[in-house]
N, C-alpha and C. Protein backbone atom coordinates (compact mmCIF):
# COMPACT_ATOMS: atom_id res chain seq x y z
N MET A 1 16.47 -3.09 -2.90
CA MET A 1 15.26 -2.81 -3.51
C MET A 1 14.67 -1.59 -2.99
N LYS A 2 13.96 -0.74 -3.80
CA LYS A 2 13.31 0.33 -3.35
C LYS A 2 11.96 -0.17 -2.80
N LEU A 3 11.51 0.52 -1.56
CA LEU A 3 10.29 0.18 -1.08
C LEU A 3 9.22 1.29 -1.57
N THR A 4 8.23 0.76 -2.18
CA THR A 4 7.00 1.59 -2.67
C THR A 4 5.76 1.24 -2.01
N LEU A 5 5.08 2.20 -1.80
CA LEU A 5 3.63 2.08 -1.15
C LEU A 5 2.66 2.68 -2.20
N THR A 6 1.63 1.75 -2.47
CA THR A 6 0.49 2.26 -3.20
C THR A 6 -0.68 2.29 -2.34
N GLN A 7 -1.27 3.55 -2.19
CA GLN A 7 -2.33 3.68 -1.15
C GLN A 7 -3.53 4.45 -1.72
N PHE A 8 -4.72 4.04 -1.38
CA PHE A 8 -5.90 4.74 -1.77
C PHE A 8 -6.44 5.54 -0.60
N VAL A 9 -6.66 6.92 -0.85
CA VAL A 9 -7.24 7.72 0.10
C VAL A 9 -8.32 8.62 -0.32
N THR A 10 -9.26 9.05 0.59
CA THR A 10 -10.23 9.96 0.28
C THR A 10 -9.73 11.39 0.26
N LEU A 11 -10.58 12.33 -0.23
CA LEU A 11 -10.09 13.70 -0.22
C LEU A 11 -9.72 14.12 1.30
N ASP A 12 -10.42 13.65 2.33
CA ASP A 12 -10.11 13.84 3.66
C ASP A 12 -9.21 13.00 4.29
N GLY A 13 -8.40 12.23 3.52
CA GLY A 13 -7.23 11.33 3.88
C GLY A 13 -7.55 10.00 4.49
N VAL A 14 -8.81 9.51 4.46
CA VAL A 14 -9.24 8.23 4.93
C VAL A 14 -8.77 7.10 3.92
N MET A 15 -8.08 6.19 4.63
CA MET A 15 -7.59 5.01 3.75
C MET A 15 -8.25 3.68 4.19
N GLN A 16 -9.23 3.80 5.08
CA GLN A 16 -9.78 2.49 5.61
C GLN A 16 -10.85 1.83 4.69
N ALA A 17 -10.63 0.47 4.54
CA ALA A 17 -11.58 -0.34 3.79
C ALA A 17 -12.00 0.31 2.43
N PRO A 18 -11.20 0.59 1.57
CA PRO A 18 -11.55 0.98 0.20
C PRO A 18 -12.26 -0.13 -0.67
N GLY A 19 -11.94 -1.33 -0.44
CA GLY A 19 -12.37 -2.37 -1.35
C GLY A 19 -13.56 -3.08 -0.93
N GLY A 20 -14.33 -2.81 0.04
CA GLY A 20 -15.55 -3.61 0.41
C GLY A 20 -16.03 -3.32 1.74
N PRO A 21 -17.36 -3.51 1.98
CA PRO A 21 -18.13 -3.13 3.09
C PRO A 21 -17.50 -3.90 4.38
N ASP A 22 -17.12 -5.00 4.24
CA ASP A 22 -16.57 -5.76 5.47
C ASP A 22 -15.10 -5.83 5.59
N GLU A 23 -14.39 -5.00 4.70
CA GLU A 23 -12.85 -5.22 4.71
C GLU A 23 -12.27 -4.77 6.03
N ASP A 24 -12.88 -3.67 6.80
CA ASP A 24 -12.46 -3.22 8.03
C ASP A 24 -13.45 -2.34 8.54
N ARG A 25 -14.21 -2.98 9.50
CA ARG A 25 -15.24 -2.26 10.22
C ARG A 25 -14.76 -1.67 11.63
N SER A 26 -13.54 -1.87 11.97
CA SER A 26 -13.09 -1.38 13.19
C SER A 26 -13.33 0.11 13.47
N GLY A 27 -13.71 0.38 14.67
CA GLY A 27 -14.07 1.80 14.99
C GLY A 27 -15.47 2.08 14.62
N GLY A 28 -16.26 1.09 14.22
CA GLY A 28 -17.58 1.35 13.77
C GLY A 28 -17.65 1.98 12.36
N PHE A 29 -16.62 1.71 11.53
CA PHE A 29 -16.62 2.34 10.28
C PHE A 29 -17.64 1.72 9.32
N GLU A 30 -18.42 2.47 8.67
CA GLU A 30 -19.55 2.08 7.85
C GLU A 30 -19.51 2.38 6.49
N HIS A 31 -18.27 2.89 5.98
CA HIS A 31 -18.16 3.41 4.62
C HIS A 31 -17.40 2.52 3.68
N GLY A 32 -17.13 1.18 4.11
CA GLY A 32 -16.33 0.31 3.33
C GLY A 32 -16.74 0.24 1.92
N GLY A 33 -15.76 0.13 0.95
CA GLY A 33 -16.04 0.02 -0.45
C GLY A 33 -16.15 1.25 -1.22
N TRP A 34 -15.58 2.35 -0.57
CA TRP A 34 -15.81 3.71 -1.17
C TRP A 34 -15.01 3.88 -2.43
N SER A 35 -13.94 3.02 -2.80
CA SER A 35 -13.19 3.21 -3.90
C SER A 35 -13.86 2.59 -5.12
N VAL A 36 -14.64 1.57 -4.95
CA VAL A 36 -15.19 0.58 -5.97
C VAL A 36 -15.86 1.41 -7.20
N PRO A 37 -16.73 2.50 -6.88
CA PRO A 37 -17.50 3.13 -8.16
C PRO A 37 -16.42 3.86 -9.01
N TYR A 38 -15.22 4.12 -8.63
CA TYR A 38 -14.21 4.85 -9.41
C TYR A 38 -13.24 3.96 -10.32
N GLY A 39 -13.41 2.73 -10.33
CA GLY A 39 -12.60 1.84 -11.18
C GLY A 39 -12.99 2.06 -12.61
N ASP A 40 -11.93 2.20 -13.43
CA ASP A 40 -12.13 2.27 -14.79
C ASP A 40 -10.79 1.81 -15.57
N GLU A 41 -10.82 2.02 -16.80
CA GLU A 41 -9.67 1.55 -17.64
C GLU A 41 -8.28 2.19 -17.12
N ASP A 42 -8.48 3.57 -17.06
CA ASP A 42 -7.31 4.38 -16.65
C ASP A 42 -6.69 3.76 -15.21
N PHE A 43 -7.60 3.46 -14.26
CA PHE A 43 -7.19 2.89 -13.08
C PHE A 43 -6.38 1.60 -13.30
N GLY A 44 -7.01 0.76 -14.08
CA GLY A 44 -6.46 -0.54 -14.26
C GLY A 44 -5.07 -0.47 -15.03
N SER A 45 -5.06 0.48 -15.97
CA SER A 45 -3.62 0.66 -16.65
C SER A 45 -2.53 1.10 -15.60
N PHE A 46 -2.91 1.86 -14.64
CA PHE A 46 -1.96 2.24 -13.70
C PHE A 46 -1.46 1.09 -12.84
N VAL A 47 -2.46 0.27 -12.36
CA VAL A 47 -2.27 -0.82 -11.55
C VAL A 47 -1.22 -1.81 -12.37
N ASN A 48 -1.48 -1.99 -13.59
CA ASN A 48 -0.80 -2.85 -14.34
C ASN A 48 0.69 -2.39 -14.36
N GLU A 49 0.86 -1.05 -14.62
CA GLU A 49 2.20 -0.49 -14.68
C GLU A 49 3.03 -0.70 -13.31
N VAL A 50 2.34 -0.44 -12.23
CA VAL A 50 2.92 -0.67 -10.91
C VAL A 50 3.44 -2.13 -10.81
N PHE A 51 2.56 -3.16 -11.09
CA PHE A 51 2.90 -4.43 -10.93
C PHE A 51 3.94 -4.93 -11.89
N ASP A 52 4.23 -4.11 -12.93
CA ASP A 52 5.27 -4.50 -13.86
C ASP A 52 6.63 -4.30 -13.34
N GLN A 53 6.71 -3.39 -12.20
CA GLN A 53 8.06 -3.22 -11.57
C GLN A 53 8.30 -3.87 -10.42
N VAL A 54 7.44 -5.01 -9.86
CA VAL A 54 7.68 -5.55 -8.56
C VAL A 54 8.55 -6.84 -8.66
N ASP A 55 9.34 -6.89 -7.63
CA ASP A 55 10.13 -8.22 -7.50
C ASP A 55 9.88 -8.91 -6.12
N ALA A 56 9.17 -8.15 -5.30
CA ALA A 56 8.70 -8.85 -3.96
C ALA A 56 7.56 -7.90 -3.38
N PHE A 57 6.83 -8.61 -2.43
CA PHE A 57 5.75 -7.80 -1.90
C PHE A 57 6.05 -7.87 -0.26
N LEU A 58 5.60 -6.62 0.29
CA LEU A 58 5.53 -6.59 1.75
C LEU A 58 4.19 -6.16 2.22
N LEU A 59 3.59 -6.97 3.04
CA LEU A 59 2.11 -6.77 3.38
C LEU A 59 1.96 -6.72 4.92
N GLY A 60 0.93 -5.86 5.33
CA GLY A 60 0.54 -6.16 6.71
C GLY A 60 -0.42 -7.29 6.92
N ARG A 61 -0.62 -7.78 8.10
CA ARG A 61 -1.42 -9.00 8.24
C ARG A 61 -2.81 -8.95 7.66
N VAL A 62 -3.56 -7.77 7.89
CA VAL A 62 -4.86 -7.81 7.42
C VAL A 62 -4.97 -7.78 6.02
N THR A 63 -4.07 -6.93 5.26
CA THR A 63 -4.16 -6.98 3.87
C THR A 63 -3.63 -8.37 3.20
N TYR A 64 -2.71 -8.87 3.95
CA TYR A 64 -2.32 -10.29 3.43
C TYR A 64 -3.40 -11.12 3.58
N GLU A 65 -4.15 -11.23 4.59
CA GLU A 65 -5.37 -12.14 4.85
C GLU A 65 -6.41 -11.92 3.72
N ILE A 66 -6.64 -10.74 3.29
CA ILE A 66 -7.56 -10.41 2.30
C ILE A 66 -7.06 -10.74 1.04
N PHE A 67 -5.75 -10.58 0.59
CA PHE A 67 -5.25 -10.96 -0.66
C PHE A 67 -5.15 -12.45 -0.71
N ALA A 68 -4.77 -13.16 0.42
CA ALA A 68 -4.67 -14.66 0.34
C ALA A 68 -5.93 -15.34 0.25
N GLY A 69 -7.01 -14.67 0.70
CA GLY A 69 -8.37 -15.18 0.54
C GLY A 69 -8.89 -15.14 -0.92
N TYR A 70 -8.16 -14.42 -1.88
CA TYR A 70 -8.75 -14.16 -3.14
C TYR A 70 -7.71 -14.49 -4.26
N TRP A 71 -6.58 -13.95 -4.20
CA TRP A 71 -5.78 -14.13 -5.36
C TRP A 71 -5.13 -15.51 -5.75
N PRO A 72 -4.98 -16.40 -4.72
CA PRO A 72 -4.56 -17.80 -5.14
C PRO A 72 -5.59 -18.50 -5.92
N ARG A 73 -6.82 -18.13 -6.00
CA ARG A 73 -7.76 -18.66 -6.86
C ARG A 73 -7.83 -18.07 -8.37
N MET A 74 -7.07 -17.02 -8.41
CA MET A 74 -6.99 -16.38 -9.81
C MET A 74 -5.81 -16.91 -10.46
N THR A 75 -5.84 -17.78 -11.50
CA THR A 75 -4.82 -18.63 -12.03
C THR A 75 -4.54 -18.21 -13.50
N ASP A 76 -5.16 -17.12 -14.07
CA ASP A 76 -4.83 -16.74 -15.38
C ASP A 76 -3.42 -16.33 -15.41
N PRO A 77 -2.44 -16.89 -16.19
CA PRO A 77 -1.13 -16.57 -16.31
C PRO A 77 -0.89 -15.21 -17.00
N ASP A 78 -1.97 -14.64 -17.70
CA ASP A 78 -1.77 -13.41 -18.39
C ASP A 78 -2.38 -12.31 -17.57
N ASP A 79 -2.88 -12.50 -16.36
CA ASP A 79 -3.31 -11.41 -15.41
C ASP A 79 -2.04 -10.87 -14.71
N PRO A 80 -1.65 -9.62 -15.00
CA PRO A 80 -0.35 -9.18 -14.37
C PRO A 80 -0.37 -8.98 -12.96
N VAL A 81 -1.51 -8.95 -12.35
CA VAL A 81 -1.55 -8.79 -10.83
C VAL A 81 -1.59 -10.19 -10.26
N ALA A 82 -2.45 -11.03 -10.61
CA ALA A 82 -2.39 -12.32 -10.11
C ALA A 82 -1.16 -13.10 -10.34
N SER A 83 -0.55 -13.08 -11.48
CA SER A 83 0.59 -13.90 -11.84
C SER A 83 1.70 -13.47 -10.88
N ARG A 84 1.95 -12.20 -10.66
CA ARG A 84 2.97 -11.70 -9.70
C ARG A 84 2.79 -12.01 -8.27
N LEU A 85 1.50 -11.73 -7.86
CA LEU A 85 1.17 -12.02 -6.47
C LEU A 85 1.24 -13.47 -6.13
N ASN A 86 1.05 -14.31 -7.09
CA ASN A 86 1.06 -15.76 -6.84
C ASN A 86 2.55 -16.43 -6.98
N SER A 87 3.40 -15.74 -7.67
CA SER A 87 4.68 -16.38 -8.00
C SER A 87 5.77 -15.67 -7.27
N LEU A 88 5.75 -14.49 -6.94
CA LEU A 88 6.84 -13.64 -6.28
C LEU A 88 6.87 -13.79 -4.70
N PRO A 89 7.99 -13.52 -4.07
CA PRO A 89 8.09 -13.64 -2.68
C PRO A 89 7.16 -12.63 -1.97
N LYS A 90 6.57 -13.06 -0.93
CA LYS A 90 5.73 -12.18 -0.19
C LYS A 90 6.03 -12.42 1.19
N TYR A 91 6.26 -11.11 1.82
CA TYR A 91 6.60 -11.03 3.19
C TYR A 91 5.47 -10.40 3.89
N VAL A 92 5.00 -11.01 5.10
CA VAL A 92 3.91 -10.37 5.77
C VAL A 92 4.47 -10.11 7.16
N ALA A 93 4.37 -8.85 7.51
CA ALA A 93 4.72 -8.40 8.87
C ALA A 93 3.59 -8.57 9.81
N SER A 94 3.90 -9.39 10.91
CA SER A 94 2.95 -9.77 11.87
C SER A 94 3.62 -10.35 13.11
N THR A 95 3.07 -9.95 14.28
CA THR A 95 3.47 -10.62 15.52
C THR A 95 2.45 -11.66 16.03
N THR A 96 1.52 -11.72 15.21
CA THR A 96 0.35 -12.61 15.58
C THR A 96 -0.03 -13.81 14.78
N LEU A 97 0.41 -13.72 13.51
CA LEU A 97 0.09 -14.59 12.61
C LEU A 97 0.83 -15.97 12.85
N THR A 98 0.12 -17.02 12.91
CA THR A 98 0.91 -18.35 13.27
C THR A 98 1.29 -19.11 12.02
N GLY A 99 0.69 -18.85 10.88
CA GLY A 99 1.09 -19.54 9.61
C GLY A 99 0.65 -18.85 8.55
N ALA A 100 1.22 -19.18 7.24
CA ALA A 100 0.94 -18.63 6.09
C ALA A 100 1.00 -19.61 4.93
N ASP A 101 -0.11 -20.01 4.46
CA ASP A 101 -0.14 -21.14 3.51
C ASP A 101 0.03 -20.65 2.02
N TRP A 102 -0.12 -19.48 1.81
CA TRP A 102 0.05 -18.90 0.37
C TRP A 102 1.48 -19.18 0.02
N GLN A 103 1.61 -19.74 -1.09
CA GLN A 103 3.01 -20.03 -1.73
C GLN A 103 3.85 -18.82 -1.70
N GLY A 104 5.11 -19.01 -1.17
CA GLY A 104 6.14 -17.99 -1.31
C GLY A 104 6.08 -16.91 -0.13
N THR A 105 5.37 -17.36 0.76
CA THR A 105 5.11 -16.27 1.98
C THR A 105 6.06 -16.49 3.11
N ARG A 106 6.54 -15.47 3.64
CA ARG A 106 7.37 -15.61 4.93
C ARG A 106 6.95 -14.57 5.86
N ILE A 107 6.82 -14.82 7.05
CA ILE A 107 6.38 -14.01 8.19
C ILE A 107 7.70 -13.31 8.67
N ILE A 108 7.60 -11.94 8.78
CA ILE A 108 8.81 -11.26 9.37
C ILE A 108 8.22 -10.37 10.54
N GLY A 109 9.11 -9.69 11.11
CA GLY A 109 8.84 -8.65 12.05
C GLY A 109 8.43 -9.06 13.49
N ARG A 110 8.57 -10.37 13.78
CA ARG A 110 8.28 -10.88 15.07
C ARG A 110 9.17 -10.22 16.16
N ASP A 111 10.45 -10.00 15.73
CA ASP A 111 11.37 -9.51 16.87
C ASP A 111 11.83 -8.00 16.58
N ASP A 112 12.01 -7.79 15.33
CA ASP A 112 12.48 -6.37 14.95
C ASP A 112 12.05 -6.06 13.50
N LEU A 113 10.96 -5.41 13.36
CA LEU A 113 10.34 -5.05 12.04
C LEU A 113 11.39 -4.08 11.26
N VAL A 114 11.87 -3.22 11.94
CA VAL A 114 12.82 -2.25 11.23
C VAL A 114 13.91 -2.94 10.60
N LYS A 115 14.53 -3.79 11.53
CA LYS A 115 15.82 -4.63 11.00
C LYS A 115 15.33 -5.54 9.76
N ASP A 116 14.31 -6.22 9.90
CA ASP A 116 13.90 -7.11 9.00
C ASP A 116 13.54 -6.46 7.56
N VAL A 117 12.83 -5.24 7.65
CA VAL A 117 12.61 -4.58 6.39
C VAL A 117 13.79 -3.91 5.80
N THR A 118 14.56 -3.34 6.65
CA THR A 118 15.98 -2.90 6.03
C THR A 118 16.70 -3.95 5.45
N ALA A 119 16.78 -5.12 5.91
CA ALA A 119 17.50 -6.21 5.26
C ALA A 119 16.70 -6.52 3.98
N LEU A 120 15.41 -6.44 3.82
CA LEU A 120 14.80 -6.81 2.65
C LEU A 120 15.18 -5.77 1.56
N LYS A 121 15.18 -4.52 1.99
CA LYS A 121 15.58 -3.52 0.98
C LYS A 121 17.03 -3.61 0.44
N GLU A 122 17.82 -4.34 1.22
CA GLU A 122 19.34 -4.42 0.78
C GLU A 122 19.35 -5.46 -0.15
N GLN A 123 18.47 -6.34 -0.31
CA GLN A 123 18.52 -7.42 -1.36
C GLN A 123 18.44 -6.84 -2.77
N PRO A 124 18.94 -7.46 -3.81
CA PRO A 124 19.03 -7.04 -5.14
C PRO A 124 17.52 -6.98 -5.71
N GLY A 125 17.26 -6.16 -6.64
CA GLY A 125 15.96 -6.13 -7.26
C GLY A 125 15.49 -4.69 -7.54
N ARG A 126 14.23 -4.61 -8.08
CA ARG A 126 13.73 -3.34 -8.50
C ARG A 126 12.89 -2.69 -7.28
N GLU A 127 11.75 -3.29 -7.10
CA GLU A 127 10.75 -2.79 -6.06
C GLU A 127 10.27 -3.78 -5.12
N LEU A 128 10.31 -3.52 -3.82
CA LEU A 128 9.65 -4.31 -2.79
C LEU A 128 8.33 -3.48 -2.52
N GLN A 129 7.18 -3.96 -2.94
CA GLN A 129 5.94 -3.21 -3.04
C GLN A 129 5.07 -3.41 -1.88
N MET A 130 4.46 -2.43 -1.40
CA MET A 130 3.41 -2.47 -0.39
C MET A 130 2.08 -1.98 -1.06
N HIS A 131 0.94 -2.64 -0.75
CA HIS A 131 -0.31 -2.26 -1.26
C HIS A 131 -1.24 -2.11 -0.03
N GLY A 132 -1.95 -1.01 0.13
CA GLY A 132 -2.73 -0.86 1.31
C GLY A 132 -1.81 -0.98 2.63
N SER A 133 -2.21 -2.04 3.51
CA SER A 133 -1.30 -2.19 4.73
C SER A 133 -1.03 -1.00 5.50
N GLY A 134 -2.22 -0.18 5.77
CA GLY A 134 -1.98 1.14 6.39
C GLY A 134 -1.32 1.25 7.62
N GLY A 135 -1.60 0.29 8.56
CA GLY A 135 -0.88 0.40 9.91
C GLY A 135 0.54 0.08 9.74
N LEU A 136 0.98 -0.83 8.87
CA LEU A 136 2.35 -1.12 8.56
C LEU A 136 3.10 0.07 7.94
N ALA A 137 2.22 0.72 6.99
CA ALA A 137 2.83 1.90 6.33
C ALA A 137 3.11 3.00 7.22
N ARG A 138 2.33 3.32 8.15
CA ARG A 138 2.58 4.20 9.18
C ARG A 138 3.87 4.05 10.03
N SER A 139 3.98 2.65 10.51
CA SER A 139 5.14 2.29 11.20
C SER A 139 6.42 2.50 10.42
N LEU A 140 6.33 2.22 9.10
CA LEU A 140 7.62 2.22 8.37
C LEU A 140 8.00 3.70 8.08
N MET A 141 6.92 4.46 7.75
CA MET A 141 7.17 5.96 7.53
C MET A 141 7.89 6.66 8.61
N ALA A 142 7.46 6.08 9.86
CA ALA A 142 8.04 6.66 11.07
C ALA A 142 9.60 6.53 11.07
N HIS A 143 10.13 5.45 10.36
CA HIS A 143 11.49 5.26 10.21
C HIS A 143 12.13 5.43 8.88
N ASP A 144 11.54 6.34 8.21
CA ASP A 144 12.05 6.73 6.72
C ASP A 144 12.32 5.54 5.89
N LEU A 145 11.59 4.48 5.98
CA LEU A 145 11.86 3.27 5.22
C LEU A 145 11.06 3.12 3.91
N ILE A 146 9.99 4.02 3.70
CA ILE A 146 9.26 3.93 2.45
C ILE A 146 9.94 5.12 1.59
N ASP A 147 10.26 4.62 0.28
CA ASP A 147 10.96 5.46 -0.59
C ASP A 147 10.01 6.22 -1.61
N THR A 148 9.05 5.50 -2.03
CA THR A 148 8.19 6.08 -2.91
C THR A 148 6.73 5.86 -2.69
N LEU A 149 5.85 6.82 -2.78
CA LEU A 149 4.45 6.71 -2.43
C LEU A 149 3.65 6.98 -3.73
N HIS A 150 2.89 6.03 -4.15
CA HIS A 150 1.91 6.23 -5.19
C HIS A 150 0.57 6.44 -4.35
N LEU A 151 0.01 7.85 -4.38
CA LEU A 151 -1.14 8.15 -3.54
C LEU A 151 -2.28 8.40 -4.58
N LEU A 152 -3.27 7.57 -4.42
CA LEU A 152 -4.50 7.63 -5.35
C LEU A 152 -5.57 8.33 -4.51
N THR A 153 -5.85 9.56 -4.89
CA THR A 153 -6.88 10.34 -4.22
C THR A 153 -8.18 10.33 -4.86
N PHE A 154 -9.20 9.67 -4.16
CA PHE A 154 -10.64 9.53 -4.77
C PHE A 154 -11.47 10.75 -4.40
N PRO A 155 -12.33 11.10 -5.29
CA PRO A 155 -13.11 12.30 -5.14
C PRO A 155 -14.28 12.06 -4.28
N VAL A 156 -13.97 11.83 -2.93
CA VAL A 156 -15.16 11.49 -1.86
C VAL A 156 -14.57 11.76 -0.56
N ALA A 157 -15.32 12.32 0.29
CA ALA A 157 -14.97 12.64 1.65
C ALA A 157 -15.88 11.91 2.58
N LEU A 158 -15.31 11.21 3.59
CA LEU A 158 -16.10 10.38 4.48
C LEU A 158 -16.28 10.96 5.98
N GLY A 159 -15.41 11.72 6.47
CA GLY A 159 -15.48 12.31 7.70
C GLY A 159 -14.96 11.50 8.86
N THR A 160 -14.85 10.12 8.67
CA THR A 160 -14.46 9.25 9.74
C THR A 160 -13.52 8.20 9.08
N GLY A 161 -12.79 7.52 9.83
CA GLY A 161 -11.97 6.46 9.41
C GLY A 161 -10.45 6.62 9.65
N LYS A 162 -9.74 5.56 9.50
CA LYS A 162 -8.34 5.57 9.70
C LYS A 162 -7.58 6.38 8.59
N ARG A 163 -6.66 7.15 8.94
CA ARG A 163 -5.94 8.01 8.02
C ARG A 163 -4.41 7.72 7.83
N LEU A 164 -3.89 7.75 6.65
CA LEU A 164 -2.52 7.47 6.43
C LEU A 164 -1.54 8.40 7.22
N PHE A 165 -1.92 9.67 7.07
CA PHE A 165 -1.09 10.64 7.80
C PHE A 165 -1.87 11.12 8.97
N ALA A 166 -1.70 10.32 9.99
CA ALA A 166 -2.45 10.73 11.23
C ALA A 166 -1.61 11.61 12.26
N ASP A 167 -2.25 12.10 13.22
CA ASP A 167 -1.50 12.95 14.21
C ASP A 167 -0.24 12.13 14.73
N GLY A 168 0.93 12.78 14.67
CA GLY A 168 2.10 12.13 15.10
C GLY A 168 3.08 11.67 13.93
N THR A 169 2.57 11.87 12.73
CA THR A 169 3.38 11.41 11.58
C THR A 169 4.68 12.17 11.64
N LEU A 170 5.74 11.39 11.22
CA LEU A 170 7.07 12.09 11.23
C LEU A 170 7.14 13.10 10.05
N PRO A 171 7.37 14.38 10.49
CA PRO A 171 7.52 15.35 9.42
C PRO A 171 8.45 14.88 8.33
N THR A 172 7.90 14.97 7.13
CA THR A 172 8.63 14.37 5.98
C THR A 172 8.39 15.15 4.67
N ALA A 173 9.41 15.47 4.01
CA ALA A 173 9.23 16.12 2.76
C ALA A 173 9.35 15.22 1.57
N PHE A 174 8.51 15.40 0.64
CA PHE A 174 8.48 14.57 -0.61
C PHE A 174 8.59 15.34 -1.88
N ARG A 175 9.12 14.69 -2.90
CA ARG A 175 9.14 15.45 -4.21
C ARG A 175 8.26 14.81 -5.19
N HIS A 176 7.42 15.51 -5.76
CA HIS A 176 6.43 15.06 -6.71
C HIS A 176 7.00 14.74 -8.05
N THR A 177 6.79 13.65 -8.54
CA THR A 177 7.42 13.26 -9.75
C THR A 177 6.58 12.93 -10.92
N ARG A 178 5.29 12.67 -10.55
CA ARG A 178 4.35 12.42 -11.69
C ARG A 178 2.83 12.44 -11.16
N SER A 179 1.88 12.81 -12.04
CA SER A 179 0.60 12.84 -11.70
C SER A 179 -0.32 12.61 -12.96
N ARG A 180 -1.44 12.07 -12.68
CA ARG A 180 -2.44 11.97 -13.80
C ARG A 180 -3.81 11.81 -13.19
N THR A 181 -4.91 11.91 -13.97
CA THR A 181 -6.16 11.88 -13.49
C THR A 181 -6.90 10.96 -14.24
N THR A 182 -7.71 9.95 -13.62
CA THR A 182 -8.42 9.03 -14.32
C THR A 182 -9.69 9.59 -14.91
N SER A 183 -10.39 8.91 -15.79
CA SER A 183 -11.61 9.43 -16.44
C SER A 183 -12.76 9.60 -15.22
N ARG A 184 -12.69 8.98 -14.15
CA ARG A 184 -13.60 9.07 -13.15
C ARG A 184 -13.15 9.88 -11.95
N GLY A 185 -12.09 10.75 -12.18
CA GLY A 185 -11.63 11.69 -11.29
C GLY A 185 -10.77 11.24 -10.14
N VAL A 186 -10.12 10.15 -10.23
CA VAL A 186 -9.08 9.75 -9.39
C VAL A 186 -7.75 10.40 -9.68
N VAL A 187 -7.19 11.17 -8.73
CA VAL A 187 -5.88 11.66 -9.01
C VAL A 187 -4.88 10.78 -8.47
N ILE A 188 -3.89 10.37 -9.40
CA ILE A 188 -2.78 9.45 -9.06
C ILE A 188 -1.54 10.27 -9.01
N SER A 189 -0.88 10.39 -7.84
CA SER A 189 0.39 11.09 -7.78
C SER A 189 1.45 10.17 -7.35
N THR A 190 2.64 10.47 -7.72
CA THR A 190 3.74 9.79 -7.25
C THR A 190 4.71 10.81 -6.53
N TYR A 191 5.23 10.31 -5.46
CA TYR A 191 6.16 11.13 -4.57
C TYR A 191 7.33 10.33 -4.14
N GLU A 192 8.54 10.95 -4.19
CA GLU A 192 9.65 10.29 -3.72
C GLU A 192 10.04 11.07 -2.31
N ARG A 193 10.39 10.25 -1.36
CA ARG A 193 10.78 10.83 -0.06
C ARG A 193 12.12 11.56 -0.21
N GLU A 194 12.14 12.73 0.34
CA GLU A 194 13.36 13.60 0.34
C GLU A 194 14.02 13.92 1.57
N GLY A 195 13.30 13.78 2.68
CA GLY A 195 13.89 14.03 3.98
C GLY A 195 13.13 14.95 4.95
N ARG A 196 13.64 15.79 5.71
CA ARG A 196 12.80 16.52 6.64
C ARG A 196 12.41 17.87 5.75
N PRO A 197 11.25 18.32 6.23
CA PRO A 197 10.64 19.55 5.64
C PRO A 197 11.58 20.79 5.84
N GLU A 198 11.61 21.77 5.10
CA GLU A 198 12.16 23.05 5.17
C GLU A 198 11.19 24.04 5.52
N TYR A 199 11.55 25.06 6.25
CA TYR A 199 10.48 26.00 6.76
C TYR A 199 11.02 27.50 6.44
N GLY A 200 10.04 28.42 6.25
CA GLY A 200 10.38 29.73 6.05
C GLY A 200 9.19 30.66 6.52
N SER A 201 9.25 31.80 6.04
CA SER A 201 8.25 32.81 6.42
C SER A 201 7.93 33.78 5.38
N TYR A 202 6.57 34.18 5.16
CA TYR A 202 6.20 35.08 4.20
C TYR A 202 6.06 36.50 4.77
C-alpha cells in the first residue's frame, strides 16, 4: 500500500490543533480551531475523494483518541468518512496506549515503528492513510516512509505552534502532481516524494 498523509497547515507552516480550541494546547498554544472558518463544499468534496481511496488508516495516539471520541457515534452508512473510519483497519502508533476499544484497531510501534509501518506498506491495497498525526508524520518522513502528501494550506498565519517541517527535517524533494483552491482560499496541493533535493547555482 502507498502511505499518504493529509495535513492542514497555516501559511507559516503551523499544523497544531486545526480542529478545535482544546485539541492540543501544549506549549501554551491558544489558536486551536483555526481551520474551521474555511470549511466549504470544495473542502468537503476533496475529503470525500481522499476517503474513496483508503484501505487502512495509520494514526498517531492523539489523533486516534480525538477520532475515537467522535467517529464511532457517527453511524450513517452513506457518510464516506464515518463509514470507512468505522469499518476499515486502523493502526495506532503508540508506546503508551494500553488499549484501543474502537473496532478494527491495532496498536503498533511499541518495539520498532519503522519495521511495523514498512510491513503495513507491504500489504496489498491502495492507500494506507494518515490524517493529522503530526508527530508521527515527522518521524516517518525522517525515514522516507510517506509516499504522498496532501498539503492543505489555509490563508492564516499564527506565529506560534508545532510545524510539520520543523528544524532537522530530512532534506526531501517532492514532485507536485495536483493543485486546487477552494472557494474560501484553501490551497490543496498533492506532492509525491522523489528523493533527495538537487542543488545548483545561479
